Amino acid sequence: MQHLLSKGPLLDRSGALREAGYATALVKTYDRRAIRAGDMRIKEWDYYLIHNDRYGVAMTIADNSYMGMLSATVLDFEAKTEKTVSPMFWFPFGSTRFPASSESGDIVKSMKGASGSFTHENGARRLIFHLDKFDGDKAFDCDILLTDAPRDTMVIATPFAEKKTAFYYNQKIIGMRAAGSCTVGGETRTFDPADSFGILDWGRGVWTYENTWYWGAGQGVVDGHVVGFNLGYGFGDVSAASENMLFVDGVAHKLDRVTFHIPMKDGKEDYLAPWTFSSSDGRIETSFTPVLDRAAFTSVGPLLSDQHQVFGHMDGTITLDDGKKIQLNHFLCFAEKVHNKW
């Protein structure tokens, strides 16, 4: 079943989701004041990934109640290297003032040695980030403009069966054109909108303590068309709808259930070995050849984060709503498995 969300408030008077399902726009209105869970459980973030076939950059501003962060990542797909630095700030409890919609409102955050802003400018999005120290004493500076927002996006409202007032309201905007540059020390990487694209992962919600999720996304040009996808599952009650969608020139094509087949070795995931993906409706049957694992592990007291965001190339066939097939050849994307206790 794939339930399409209707317009209206996201939460009812008890703080529970009024309706679970998916949409192609933010039809539900998020209001932090309507949340009825403890302040420590509220998590809000904006994550942007910008890349071409050679390199990429990611930036996050997050307010997870008891901690927040300004995180930056530089990715080199040819050298197969990555570096992430994530300065944290403590006990913001919503003081970062995240907007209730991705369509308007800005995020501006500064702390000692770091600053970031995600703002709207004449229908475009400008991302500006600075870290005093990113690679040794080398500073990180990034200024990116994202344009050509697609007509359709992936939106899902997901409840958690174990807690009535827990939910995740999420939007993925895939295939925006990217222009600008990122500099670390004296080395600058530029992004040309002809071959560079941006993804926004916009998240607002109340999460349960322990979760594991799978997420994958890709964007690029295939036969002159901007093609993208969003795949994911693993947390919450997704019986009402999945978050799986294909996009061609900004138009969404809905998929049913998708499974990531991660190879195993000695009883553990072998993230850099070839994967496969399959769907319950047979509309995505592809292989995935990893080139880079952006792995991060943190365990402090009751908190744990075990992340594997794996970048690589997808090959195979995807099928649109009208039955048309698109062949992906060496299509850059990522797929991740993340386990959190937070």
C-alpha atoms as a PDB file:
ATOM      1  CA  MET A   1       0.000   0.000   0.000  1.00  0.00           C
ATOM      2  CA  GLN A   2       1.202   3.493  -0.879  1.00  0.00           C
ATOM      3  CA  HIS A   3      -0.911   6.124   0.894  1.00  0.00           C
ATOM      4  CA  LEU A   4      -0.787   9.667  -0.491  1.00  0.00           C
ATOM      5  CA  LEU A   5      -0.812  12.362   2.190  1.00  0.00           C
ATOM      6  CA  SER A   6      -3.483  15.063   2.250  1.00  0.00           C
ATOM      7  CA  LYS A   7      -2.967  18.690   3.236  1.00  0.00           C
ATOM      8  CA  GLY A   8      -3.205  19.776   6.850  1.00  0.00           C
ATOM      9  CA  PRO A   9      -1.363  19.804  10.185  1.00  0.00           C
ATOM     10  CA  LEU A  10       1.238  17.101  10.689  1.00  0.00           C
ATOM     11  CA  LEU A  11       0.356  16.335  14.334  1.00  0.00           C
ATOM     12  CA  ASP A  12      -2.869  15.996  16.284  1.00  0.00           C
ATOM     13  CA  ARG A  13      -3.524  17.409  19.760  1.00  0.00           C
ATOM     14  CA  SER A  14      -1.810  14.440  21.412  1.00  0.00           C
ATOM     15  CA  GLY A  15       1.360  14.990  19.361  1.00  0.00           C
ATOM     16  CA  ALA A  16       0.828  11.903  17.192  1.00  0.00           C
ATOM     17  CA  LEU A  17       0.913  11.906  13.400  1.00  0.00           C
ATOM     18  CA  ARG A  18      -2.509  12.665  11.978  1.00  0.00           C
ATOM     19  CA  GLU A  19      -1.661  10.688   8.854  1.00  0.00           C
ATOM     20  CA  ALA A  20       1.193   8.455   7.706  1.00  0.00           C
ATOM     21  CA  GLY A  21       2.194   8.255   4.065  1.00  0.00           C
ATOM     22  CA  TYR A  22       4.085   9.961   1.261  1.00  0.00           C
ATOM     23  CA  ALA A  23       3.759  13.004  -0.970  1.00  0.00           C
ATOM     24  CA  THR A  24       5.772  14.908  -3.573  1.00  0.00           C
ATOM     25  CA  ALA A  25       5.665  18.190  -1.627  1.00  0.00           C
ATOM     26  CA  LEU A  26       5.452  19.317   2.011  1.00  0.00           C
ATOM     27  CA  VAL A  27       1.669  19.105   2.184  1.00  0.00           C
ATOM     28  CA  LYS A  28       1.694  18.619   5.962  1.00  0.00           C
ATOM     29  CA  THR A  29       2.475  21.589   8.208  1.00  0.00           C
ATOM     30  CA  TYR A  30       5.218  20.971  10.767  1.00  0.00           C
ATOM     31  CA  ASP A  31       4.883  22.915  14.029  1.00  0.00           C
ATOM     32  CA  ARG A  32       7.462  22.242  16.742  1.00  0.00           C
ATOM     33  CA  ARG A  33       5.034  23.654  19.330  1.00  0.00           C
ATOM     34  CA  ALA A  34       2.622  20.757  18.609  1.00  0.00           C
ATOM     35  CA  ILE A  35       5.162  18.137  19.760  1.00  0.00           C
ATOM     36  CA  ARG A  36       4.162  16.358  22.986  1.00  0.00           C
ATOM     37  CA  ALA A  37       7.341  14.314  23.534  1.00  0.00           C
ATOM     38  CA  GLY A  38      10.252  15.203  25.798  1.00  0.00           C
ATOM     39  CA  ASP A  39      12.548  17.947  24.532  1.00  0.00           C
ATOM     40  CA  MET A  40      15.533  15.562  24.484  1.00  0.00           C
ATOM     41  CA  ARG A  41      13.942  13.461  21.710  1.00  0.00           C
ATOM     42  CA  ILE A  42      13.376  16.252  19.146  1.00  0.00           C
ATOM     43  CA  LYS A  43      15.793  16.198  16.203  1.00  0.00           C
ATOM     44  CA  GLU A  44      15.979  18.672  13.345  1.00  0.00           C
ATOM     45  CA  TRP A  45      18.527  18.959  10.546  1.00  0.00           C
ATOM     46  CA  ASP A  46      19.309  20.116   7.022  1.00  0.00           C
ATOM     47  CA  TYR A  47      21.928  18.060   5.144  1.00  0.00           C
ATOM     48  CA  TYR A  48      23.198  18.988   1.678  1.00  0.00           C
ATOM     49  CA  LEU A  49      25.317  16.814  -0.602  1.00  0.00           C
ATOM     50  CA  ILE A  50      26.810  18.425  -3.709  1.00  0.00           C
ATOM     51  CA  HIS A  51      28.851  16.453  -6.223  1.00  0.00           C
ATOM     52  CA  ASN A  52      29.907  15.719  -9.763  1.00  0.00           C
ATOM     53  CA  ASP A  53      31.517  12.494 -10.973  1.00  0.00           C
ATOM     54  CA  ARG A  54      34.950  13.449  -9.590  1.00  0.00           C
ATOM     55  CA  TYR A  55      34.432  14.986  -6.156  1.00  0.00           C
ATOM     56  CA  GLY A  56      31.851  16.256  -3.730  1.00  0.00           C
ATOM     57  CA  VAL A  57      31.138  18.162  -0.546  1.00  0.00           C
ATOM     58  CA  ALA A  58      28.518  17.706   2.169  1.00  0.00           C
ATOM     59  CA  MET A  59      27.366  20.165   4.826  1.00  0.00           C
ATOM     60  CA  THR A  60      25.026  19.680   7.778  1.00  0.00           C
ATOM     61  CA  ILE A  61      23.503  21.971  10.365  1.00  0.00           C
ATOM     62  CA  ALA A  62      21.721  19.945  13.043  1.00  0.00           C
ATOM     63  CA  ASP A  63      19.882  20.679  16.288  1.00  0.00           C
ATOM     64  CA  ASN A  64      19.358  17.370  18.093  1.00  0.00           C
ATOM     65  CA  SER A  65      18.212  18.992  21.343  1.00  0.00           C
ATOM     66  CA  TYR A  66      21.007  17.923  23.690  1.00  0.00           C
ATOM     67  CA  MET A  67      23.641  18.536  20.987  1.00  0.00           C
ATOM     68  CA  GLY A  68      23.978  20.272  17.662  1.00  0.00           C
ATOM     69  CA  MET A  69      26.653  20.353  15.016  1.00  0.00           C
ATOM     70  CA  LEU A  70      28.087  22.096  11.993  1.00  0.00           C
ATOM     71  CA  SER A  71      29.526  19.271   9.887  1.00  0.00           C
ATOM     72  CA  ALA A  72      31.497  19.408   6.633  1.00  0.00           C
ATOM     73  CA  THR A  73      32.785  16.590   4.431  1.00  0.00           C
ATOM     74  CA  VAL A  74      35.078  16.661   1.403  1.00  0.00           C
ATOM     75  CA  LEU A  75      34.898  13.648  -0.940  1.00  0.00           C
ATOM     76  CA  ASP A  76      37.311  12.675  -3.717  1.00  0.00           C
ATOM     77  CA  PHE A  77      35.905   9.789  -5.761  1.00  0.00           C
ATOM     78  CA  GLU A  78      38.994   9.456  -7.964  1.00  0.00           C
ATOM     79  CA  ALA A  79      41.507   9.390  -5.096  1.00  0.00           C
ATOM     80  CA  LYS A  80      38.997   7.416  -2.976  1.00  0.00           C
ATOM     81  CA  THR A  81      39.447   9.707   0.024  1.00  0.00           C
ATOM     82  CA  GLU A  82      37.155  11.602   2.367  1.00  0.00           C
ATOM     83  CA  LYS A  83      37.486  13.828   5.378  1.00  0.00           C
ATOM     84  CA  THR A  84      34.768  14.937   7.788  1.00  0.00           C
ATOM     85  CA  VAL A  85      34.971  17.502  10.583  1.00  0.00           C
ATOM     86  CA  SER A  86      31.939  18.082  12.815  1.00  0.00           C
ATOM     87  CA  PRO A  87      32.253  20.745  15.521  1.00  0.00           C
ATOM     88  CA  MET A  88      29.499  20.326  18.110  1.00  0.00           C
ATOM     89  CA  PHE A  89      27.565  22.707  20.305  1.00  0.00           C
ATOM     90  CA  TRP A  90      25.677  21.622  23.395  1.00  0.00           C
ATOM     91  CA  PHE A  91      22.061  21.800  24.585  1.00  0.00           C
ATOM     92  CA  PRO A  92      20.558  24.007  21.855  1.00  0.00           C
ATOM     93  CA  PHE A  93      17.020  22.626  22.457  1.00  0.00           C
ATOM     94  CA  GLY A  94      15.635  24.364  19.377  1.00  0.00           C
ATOM     95  CA  SER A  95      17.507  27.650  19.807  1.00  0.00           C
ATOM     96  CA  THR A  96      19.010  27.159  16.333  1.00  0.00           C
ATOM     97  CA  ARG A  97      15.505  28.082  15.128  1.00  0.00           C
ATOM     98  CA  PHE A  98      15.134  25.733  12.189  1.00  0.00           C
ATOM     99  CA  PRO A  99      12.330  26.812   9.833  1.00  0.00           C
ATOM    100  CA  ALA A 100       9.171  24.711   9.710  1.00  0.00           C
ATOM    101  CA  SER A 101       9.467  24.274   5.939  1.00  0.00           C
ATOM    102  CA  SER A 102      12.280  23.834   3.432  1.00  0.00           C
ATOM    103  CA  GLU A 103      10.520  26.229   1.091  1.00  0.00           C
ATOM    104  CA  SER A 104      11.146  29.376   3.159  1.00  0.00           C
ATOM    105  CA  GLY A 105      13.078  30.459   6.208  1.00  0.00           C
ATOM    106  CA  ASP A 106      16.821  30.404   6.704  1.00  0.00           C
ATOM    107  CA  ILE A 107      19.312  28.707   9.012  1.00  0.00           C
ATOM    108  CA  VAL A 108      22.271  30.700  10.307  1.00  0.00           C
ATOM    109  CA  LYS A 109      24.573  29.303  12.988  1.00  0.00           C
ATOM    110  CA  SER A 110      27.928  30.472  14.316  1.00  0.00           C
ATOM    111  CA  MET A 111      30.171  29.099  17.025  1.00  0.00           C
ATOM    112  CA  LYS A 112      33.842  29.438  17.891  1.00  0.00           C
ATOM    113  CA  GLY A 113      35.835  28.440  14.836  1.00  0.00           C
ATOM    114  CA  ALA A 114      32.851  27.574  12.641  1.00  0.00           C
ATOM    115  CA  SER A 115      29.860  29.111  10.882  1.00  0.00           C
ATOM    116  CA  GLY A 116      27.231  28.001   8.425  1.00  0.00           C
ATOM    117  CA  SER A 117      24.198  29.434   6.662  1.00  0.00           C
ATOM    118  CA  PHE A 118      21.575  27.903   4.399  1.00  0.00           C
ATOM    119  CA  THR A 119      19.513  30.721   2.903  1.00  0.00           C
ATOM    120  CA  HIS A 120      16.980  31.344   0.137  1.00  0.00           C
ATOM    121  CA  GLU A 121      17.884  33.846  -2.600  1.00  0.00           C
ATOM    122  CA  ASN A 122      15.513  34.637  -5.463  1.00  0.00           C
ATOM    123  CA  GLY A 123      14.252  31.099  -5.803  1.00  0.00           C
ATOM    124  CA  ALA A 124      17.688  29.554  -5.285  1.00  0.00           C
ATOM    125  CA  ARG A 125      19.484  28.224  -2.201  1.00  0.00           C
ATOM    126  CA  ARG A 126      22.841  29.542  -1.059  1.00  0.00           C
ATOM    127  CA  LEU A 127      25.038  27.406   1.171  1.00  0.00           C
ATOM    128  CA  ILE A 128      27.945  29.153   2.912  1.00  0.00           C
ATOM    129  CA  PHE A 129      30.192  27.305   5.334  1.00  0.00           C
ATOM    130  CA  HIS A 130      33.456  28.023   7.152  1.00  0.00           C
ATOM    131  CA  LEU A 131      35.617  26.002   9.540  1.00  0.00           C
ATOM    132  CA  ASP A 132      38.813  27.561  10.903  1.00  0.00           C
ATOM    133  CA  LYS A 133      40.532  24.184  11.043  1.00  0.00           C
ATOM    134  CA  PHE A 134      39.518  21.364   8.736  1.00  0.00           C
ATOM    135  CA  ASP A 135      42.712  19.608   7.668  1.00  0.00           C
ATOM    136  CA  GLY A 136      45.315  20.441  10.294  1.00  0.00           C
ATOM    137  CA  ASP A 137      45.490  24.229  10.256  1.00  0.00           C
ATOM    138  CA  LYS A 138      43.878  24.448   6.815  1.00  0.00           C
ATOM    139  CA  ALA A 139      40.517  26.197   6.785  1.00  0.00           C
ATOM    140  CA  PHE A 140      37.394  24.982   4.992  1.00  0.00           C
ATOM    141  CA  ASP A 141      35.343  27.482   2.981  1.00  0.00           C
ATOM    142  CA  CYS A 142      32.403  26.695   0.757  1.00  0.00           C
ATOM    143  CA  ASP A 143      29.967  28.848  -1.223  1.00  0.00           C
ATOM    144  CA  ILE A 144      27.417  26.948  -3.325  1.00  0.00           C
ATOM    145  CA  LEU A 145      24.309  28.137  -5.176  1.00  0.00           C
ATOM    146  CA  LEU A 146      21.613  25.540  -5.904  1.00  0.00           C
ATOM    147  CA  THR A 147      19.109  26.295  -8.678  1.00  0.00           C
ATOM    148  CA  ASP A 148      16.579  24.508 -10.901  1.00  0.00           C
ATOM    149  CA  ALA A 149      14.634  22.922  -8.056  1.00  0.00           C
ATOM    150  CA  PRO A 150      12.613  19.952  -9.352  1.00  0.00           C
ATOM    151  CA  ARG A 151       8.827  19.989  -9.523  1.00  0.00           C
ATOM    152  CA  ASP A 152       8.535  16.861  -7.375  1.00  0.00           C
ATOM    153  CA  THR A 153      10.360  15.798  -4.216  1.00  0.00           C
ATOM    154  CA  MET A 154      10.232  12.826  -1.860  1.00  0.00           C
ATOM    155  CA  VAL A 155       8.205  13.530   1.276  1.00  0.00           C
ATOM    156  CA  ILE A 156       7.271  10.941   3.896  1.00  0.00           C
ATOM    157  CA  ALA A 157       5.589  11.047   7.306  1.00  0.00           C
ATOM    158  CA  THR A 158       6.596   8.001   9.338  1.00  0.00           C
ATOM    159  CA  PRO A 159       5.295   6.976  12.786  1.00  0.00           C
ATOM    160  CA  PHE A 160       7.111   4.702  15.251  1.00  0.00           C
ATOM    161  CA  ALA A 161       5.016   1.798  16.532  1.00  0.00           C
ATOM    162  CA  GLU A 162       6.740   1.736  19.924  1.00  0.00           C
ATOM    163  CA  LYS A 163       5.974   5.380  20.796  1.00  0.00           C
ATOM    164  CA  LYS A 164       2.813   7.256  19.811  1.00  0.00           C
ATOM    165  CA  THR A 165       4.413  10.712  19.940  1.00  0.00           C
ATOM    166  CA  ALA A 166       7.492   9.706  17.900  1.00  0.00           C
ATOM    167  CA  PHE A 167       7.547  10.497  14.176  1.00  0.00           C
ATOM    168  CA  TYR A 168       9.826  11.455  11.304  1.00  0.00           C
ATOM    169  CA  TYR A 169       8.826  14.057   8.709  1.00  0.00           C
ATOM    170  CA  ASN A 170      11.340  14.026   5.878  1.00  0.00           C
ATOM    171  CA  GLN A 171      11.865  15.614   2.489  1.00  0.00           C
ATOM    172  CA  LYS A 172      14.538  14.763  -0.073  1.00  0.00           C
ATOM    173  CA  ILE A 173      15.070  17.254  -2.903  1.00  0.00           C
ATOM    174  CA  ILE A 174      17.170  15.582  -5.596  1.00  0.00           C
ATOM    175  CA  GLY A 175      18.757  16.939  -8.769  1.00  0.00           C
ATOM    176  CA  MET A 176      19.222  20.658  -8.104  1.00  0.00           C
ATOM    177  CA  ARG A 177      21.920  22.268 -10.286  1.00  0.00           C
ATOM    178  CA  ALA A 178      24.998  23.320  -8.303  1.00  0.00           C
ATOM    179  CA  ALA A 179      27.431  26.180  -8.928  1.00  0.00           C
ATOM    180  CA  GLY A 180      30.235  27.434  -6.696  1.00  0.00           C
ATOM    181  CA  SER A 181      33.380  26.256  -5.013  1.00  0.00           C
ATOM    182  CA  CYS A 182      34.878  24.621  -1.951  1.00  0.00           C
ATOM    183  CA  THR A 183      38.385  25.488  -0.726  1.00  0.00           C
ATOM    184  CA  VAL A 184      40.556  23.653   1.786  1.00  0.00           C
ATOM    185  CA  GLY A 185      43.786  25.527   2.366  1.00  0.00           C
ATOM    186  CA  GLY A 186      44.942  26.580  -1.089  1.00  0.00           C
ATOM    187  CA  GLU A 187      43.123  23.820  -2.988  1.00  0.00           C
ATOM    188  CA  THR A 188      39.816  24.780  -4.604  1.00  0.00           C
ATOM    189  CA  ARG A 189      37.251  22.478  -6.160  1.00  0.00           C
ATOM    190  CA  THR A 190      34.681  24.124  -8.407  1.00  0.00           C
ATOM    191  CA  PHE A 191      31.168  22.976  -9.246  1.00  0.00           C
ATOM    192  CA  ASP A 192      29.693  23.642 -12.688  1.00  0.00           C
ATOM    193  CA  PRO A 193      25.896  23.359 -13.004  1.00  0.00           C
ATOM    194  CA  ALA A 194      26.369  21.460 -16.269  1.00  0.00           C
ATOM    195  CA  ASP A 195      27.590  18.389 -14.380  1.00  0.00           C
ATOM    196  CA  SER A 196      27.181  19.159 -10.659  1.00  0.00           C
ATOM    197  CA  PHE A 197      24.052  18.510  -8.621  1.00  0.00           C
ATOM    198  CA  GLY A 198      22.769  18.947  -5.071  1.00  0.00           C
ATOM    199  CA  ILE A 199      20.584  16.897  -2.713  1.00  0.00           C
ATOM    200  CA  LEU A 200      18.788  18.239   0.356  1.00  0.00           C
ATOM    201  CA  ASP A 201      17.880  15.868   3.191  1.00  0.00           C
ATOM    202  CA  TRP A 202      15.429  17.887   5.324  1.00  0.00           C
ATOM    203  CA  GLY A 203      14.473  16.171   8.568  1.00  0.00           C
ATOM    204  CA  ARG A 204      12.172  17.096  11.449  1.00  0.00           C
ATOM    205  CA  GLY A 205      10.950  14.697  14.091  1.00  0.00           C
ATOM    206  CA  VAL A 206      10.859  12.925  17.403  1.00  0.00           C
ATOM    207  CA  TRP A 207      13.002   9.794  17.297  1.00  0.00           C
ATOM    208  CA  THR A 208      13.092   6.734  19.490  1.00  0.00           C
ATOM    209  CA  TYR A 209      16.375   5.919  21.244  1.00  0.00           C
ATOM    210  CA  GLU A 210      17.745   3.185  18.944  1.00  0.00           C
ATOM    211  CA  ASN A 211      17.352   3.023  15.153  1.00  0.00           C
ATOM    212  CA  THR A 212      18.943   1.521  12.081  1.00  0.00           C
ATOM    213  CA  TRP A 213      18.257   2.989   8.675  1.00  0.00           C
ATOM    214  CA  TYR A 214      19.248   2.336   5.080  1.00  0.00           C
ATOM    215  CA  TRP A 215      19.350   5.255   2.643  1.00  0.00           C
ATOM    216  CA  GLY A 216      20.596   5.623  -0.900  1.00  0.00           C
ATOM    217  CA  ALA A 217      20.381   8.410  -3.462  1.00  0.00           C
ATOM    218  CA  GLY A 218      21.817   9.340  -6.817  1.00  0.00           C
ATOM    219  CA  GLN A 219      21.616  12.189  -9.313  1.00  0.00           C
ATOM    220  CA  GLY A 220      23.110  12.878 -12.723  1.00  0.00           C
ATOM    221  CA  VAL A 221      22.492  13.136 -16.453  1.00  0.00           C
ATOM    222  CA  VAL A 222      21.379  10.130 -18.531  1.00  0.00           C
ATOM    223  CA  ASP A 223      20.804  10.632 -22.286  1.00  0.00           C
ATOM    224  CA  GLY A 224      20.287  14.362 -21.757  1.00  0.00           C
ATOM    225  CA  HIS A 225      17.806  13.964 -18.887  1.00  0.00           C
ATOM    226  CA  VAL A 226      18.358  14.742 -15.203  1.00  0.00           C
ATOM    227  CA  VAL A 227      17.811  11.402 -13.459  1.00  0.00           C
ATOM    228  CA  GLY A 228      17.753  10.779  -9.721  1.00  0.00           C
ATOM    229  CA  PHE A 229      16.450   8.379  -7.123  1.00  0.00           C
ATOM    230  CA  ASN A 230      15.799   8.064  -3.404  1.00  0.00           C
ATOM    231  CA  LEU A 231      15.752   4.656  -1.712  1.00  0.00           C
ATOM    232  CA  GLY A 232      15.355   3.905   1.970  1.00  0.00           C
ATOM    233  CA  TYR A 233      13.874   1.838   4.773  1.00  0.00           C
ATOM    234  CA  GLY A 234      14.649   0.374   8.174  1.00  0.00           C
ATOM    235  CA  PHE A 235      13.163   2.642  10.830  1.00  0.00           C
ATOM    236  CA  GLY A 236       9.653   3.397  11.969  1.00  0.00           C
ATOM    237  CA  ASP A 237       6.383   1.924  10.725  1.00  0.00           C
ATOM    238  CA  VAL A 238       6.461   2.191   6.928  1.00  0.00           C
ATOM    239  CA  SER A 239       3.307   0.142   6.322  1.00  0.00           C
ATOM    240  CA  ALA A 240       1.518   3.212   4.908  1.00  0.00           C
ATOM    241  CA  ALA A 241       4.158   4.027   2.286  1.00  0.00           C
ATOM    242  CA  SER A 242       7.794   3.702   1.330  1.00  0.00           C
ATOM    243  CA  GLU A 243      10.182   6.559   0.575  1.00  0.00           C
ATOM    244  CA  ASN A 244      11.343   4.990  -2.693  1.00  0.00           C
ATOM    245  CA  MET A 245      11.095   7.206  -5.772  1.00  0.00           C
ATOM    246  CA  LEU A 246      12.678   7.707  -9.159  1.00  0.00           C
ATOM    247  CA  PHE A 247      12.957  11.161 -10.729  1.00  0.00           C
ATOM    248  CA  VAL A 248      13.325  12.152 -14.380  1.00  0.00           C
ATOM    249  CA  ASP A 249      13.551  15.855 -15.187  1.00  0.00           C
ATOM    250  CA  GLY A 250      11.967  16.620 -11.815  1.00  0.00           C
ATOM    251  CA  VAL A 251       8.962  14.294 -12.176  1.00  0.00           C
ATOM    252  CA  ALA A 252       8.518  11.576  -9.534  1.00  0.00           C
ATOM    253  CA  HIS A 253       7.829   7.899 -10.221  1.00  0.00           C
ATOM    254  CA  LYS A 254       6.792   5.941  -7.113  1.00  0.00           C
ATOM    255  CA  LEU A 255       8.368   2.611  -6.199  1.00  0.00           C
ATOM    256  CA  ASP A 256       7.209   0.015  -3.683  1.00  0.00           C
ATOM    257  CA  ARG A 257       9.659  -1.740  -1.306  1.00  0.00           C
ATOM    258  CA  VAL A 258      13.391  -1.809  -1.964  1.00  0.00           C
ATOM    259  CA  THR A 259      16.080  -3.998  -0.393  1.00  0.00           C
ATOM    260  CA  PHE A 260      19.821  -3.324  -0.127  1.00  0.00           C
ATOM    261  CA  HIS A 261      21.797  -6.547  -0.462  1.00  0.00           C
ATOM    262  CA  ILE A 262      25.060  -5.807   1.340  1.00  0.00           C
ATOM    263  CA  PRO A 263      27.639  -8.597   1.015  1.00  0.00           C
ATOM    264  CA  MET A 264      28.902 -10.288   4.161  1.00  0.00           C
ATOM    265  CA  LYS A 265      32.379 -11.445   5.092  1.00  0.00           C
ATOM    266  CA  ASP A 266      33.292 -13.222   8.330  1.00  0.00           C
ATOM    267  CA  GLY A 267      29.851 -12.393   9.746  1.00  0.00           C
ATOM    268  CA  LYS A 268      30.081  -8.648   9.052  1.00  0.00           C
ATOM    269  CA  GLU A 269      29.026  -6.347   6.237  1.00  0.00           C
ATOM    270  CA  ASP A 270      31.724  -6.056   3.570  1.00  0.00           C
ATOM    271  CA  TYR A 271      30.863  -2.513   2.509  1.00  0.00           C
ATOM    272  CA  LEU A 272      33.455  -2.191  -0.265  1.00  0.00           C
ATOM    273  CA  ALA A 273      32.456  -5.413  -2.036  1.00  0.00           C
ATOM    274  CA  PRO A 274      29.800  -5.166  -4.801  1.00  0.00           C
ATOM    275  CA  TRP A 275      26.174  -4.783  -3.638  1.00  0.00           C
ATOM    276  CA  THR A 276      22.873  -5.343  -5.390  1.00  0.00           C
ATOM    277  CA  PHE A 277      19.495  -3.629  -5.060  1.00  0.00           C
ATOM    278  CA  SER A 278      16.074  -5.122  -5.711  1.00  0.00           C
ATOM    279  CA  SER A 279      12.472  -3.943  -5.416  1.00  0.00           C
ATOM    280  CA  SER A 280       9.248  -5.756  -4.646  1.00  0.00           C
ATOM    281  CA  ASP A 281       7.701  -4.403  -7.863  1.00  0.00           C
ATOM    282  CA  GLY A 282      10.725  -5.361  -9.977  1.00  0.00           C
ATOM    283  CA  ARG A 283      11.321  -1.781 -11.110  1.00  0.00           C
ATOM    284  CA  ILE A 284      14.840  -1.383  -9.817  1.00  0.00           C
ATOM    285  CA  GLU A 285      17.258  -4.252 -10.375  1.00  0.00           C
ATOM    286  CA  THR A 286      20.792  -2.920 -10.209  1.00  0.00           C
ATOM    287  CA  SER A 287      24.314  -3.595  -9.049  1.00  0.00           C
ATOM    288  CA  PHE A 288      26.429  -1.179  -7.017  1.00  0.00           C
ATOM    289  CA  THR A 289      30.225  -1.049  -7.149  1.00  0.00           C
ATOM    290  CA  PRO A 290      31.632   0.867  -4.163  1.00  0.00           C
ATOM    291  CA  VAL A 291      34.662   3.155  -4.408  1.00  0.00           C
ATOM    292  CA  LEU A 292      34.625   4.912  -1.024  1.00  0.00           C
ATOM    293  CA  ASP A 293      33.237   4.173   2.452  1.00  0.00           C
ATOM    294  CA  ARG A 294      32.708   7.288   4.549  1.00  0.00           C
ATOM    295  CA  ALA A 295      32.759   5.399   7.828  1.00  0.00           C
ATOM    296  CA  ALA A 296      32.398   6.961  11.268  1.00  0.00           C
ATOM    297  CA  PHE A 297      32.001   5.316  14.678  1.00  0.00           C
ATOM    298  CA  THR A 298      31.315   7.097  17.961  1.00  0.00           C
ATOM    299  CA  SER A 299      30.425   5.550  21.329  1.00  0.00           C
ATOM    300  CA  VAL A 300      30.173   7.754  24.411  1.00  0.00           C
ATOM    301  CA  GLY A 301      28.171   6.490  27.377  1.00  0.00           C
ATOM    302  CA  PRO A 302      24.606   5.742  26.233  1.00  0.00           C
ATOM    303  CA  LEU A 303      25.204   7.387  22.820  1.00  0.00           C
ATOM    304  CA  LEU A 304      26.378   5.455  19.773  1.00  0.00           C
ATOM    305  CA  SER A 305      26.648   6.194  16.062  1.00  0.00           C
ATOM    306  CA  ASP A 306      27.929   3.643  13.548  1.00  0.00           C
ATOM    307  CA  GLN A 307      27.768   5.069  10.020  1.00  0.00           C
ATOM    308  CA  HIS A 308      28.771   3.682   6.649  1.00  0.00           C
ATOM    309  CA  GLN A 309      27.920   6.022   3.768  1.00  0.00           C
ATOM    310  CA  VAL A 310      29.286   4.197   0.732  1.00  0.00           C
ATOM    311  CA  PHE A 311      29.818   6.004  -2.583  1.00  0.00           C
ATOM    312  CA  GLY A 312      30.106   4.127  -5.841  1.00  0.00           C
ATOM    313  CA  HIS A 313      28.569   3.437  -9.237  1.00  0.00           C
ATOM    314  CA  MET A 314      25.228   1.885 -10.054  1.00  0.00           C
ATOM    315  CA  ASP A 315      24.601  -0.203 -13.146  1.00  0.00           C
ATOM    316  CA  GLY A 316      21.292  -1.677 -14.212  1.00  0.00           C
ATOM    317  CA  THR A 317      17.743  -0.849 -15.209  1.00  0.00           C
ATOM    318  CA  ILE A 318      15.085   1.315 -13.580  1.00  0.00           C
ATOM    319  CA  THR A 319      11.474   1.344 -14.759  1.00  0.00           C
ATOM    320  CA  LEU A 320       9.244   4.407 -14.721  1.00  0.00           C
ATOM    321  CA  ASP A 321       5.509   4.544 -14.007  1.00  0.00           C
ATOM    322  CA  ASP A 322       4.654   4.248 -17.712  1.00  0.00           C
ATOM    323  CA  GLY A 323       6.873   1.181 -18.165  1.00  0.00           C
ATOM    324  CA  LYS A 324       9.721   3.027 -19.865  1.00  0.00           C
ATOM    325  CA  LYS A 325      13.115   1.639 -18.893  1.00  0.00           C
ATOM    326  CA  ILE A 326      16.209   3.737 -18.214  1.00  0.00           C
ATOM    327  CA  GLN A 327      19.626   2.160 -18.298  1.00  0.00           C
ATOM    328  CA  LEU A 328      22.095   3.333 -15.654  1.00  0.00           C
ATOM    329  CA  ASN A 329      25.749   2.933 -16.582  1.00  0.00           C
ATOM    330  CA  HIS A 330      28.468   3.836 -14.091  1.00  0.00           C
ATOM    331  CA  PHE A 331      25.972   6.175 -12.394  1.00  0.00           C
ATOM    332  CA  LEU A 332      27.470   7.822  -9.304  1.00  0.00           C
ATOM    333  CA  CYS A 333      25.408   7.444  -6.142  1.00  0.00           C
ATOM    334  CA  PHE A 334      25.668   6.436  -2.497  1.00  0.00           C
ATOM    335  CA  ALA A 335      24.059   3.903  -0.199  1.00  0.00           C
ATOM    336  CA  GLU A 336      24.367   3.844   3.563  1.00  0.00           C
ATOM    337  CA  LYS A 337      23.614   1.861   6.678  1.00  0.00           C
ATOM    338  CA  VAL A 338      23.479   3.848   9.922  1.00  0.00           C
ATOM    339  CA  HIS A 339      22.894   2.516  13.442  1.00  0.00           C
ATOM    340  CA  ASN A 340      22.228   5.116  16.136  1.00  0.00           C
ATOM    341  CA  LYS A 341      21.576   5.135  19.854  1.00  0.00           C
ATOM    342  CA  TRP A 342      20.690   8.766  20.373  1.00  0.00           C
END
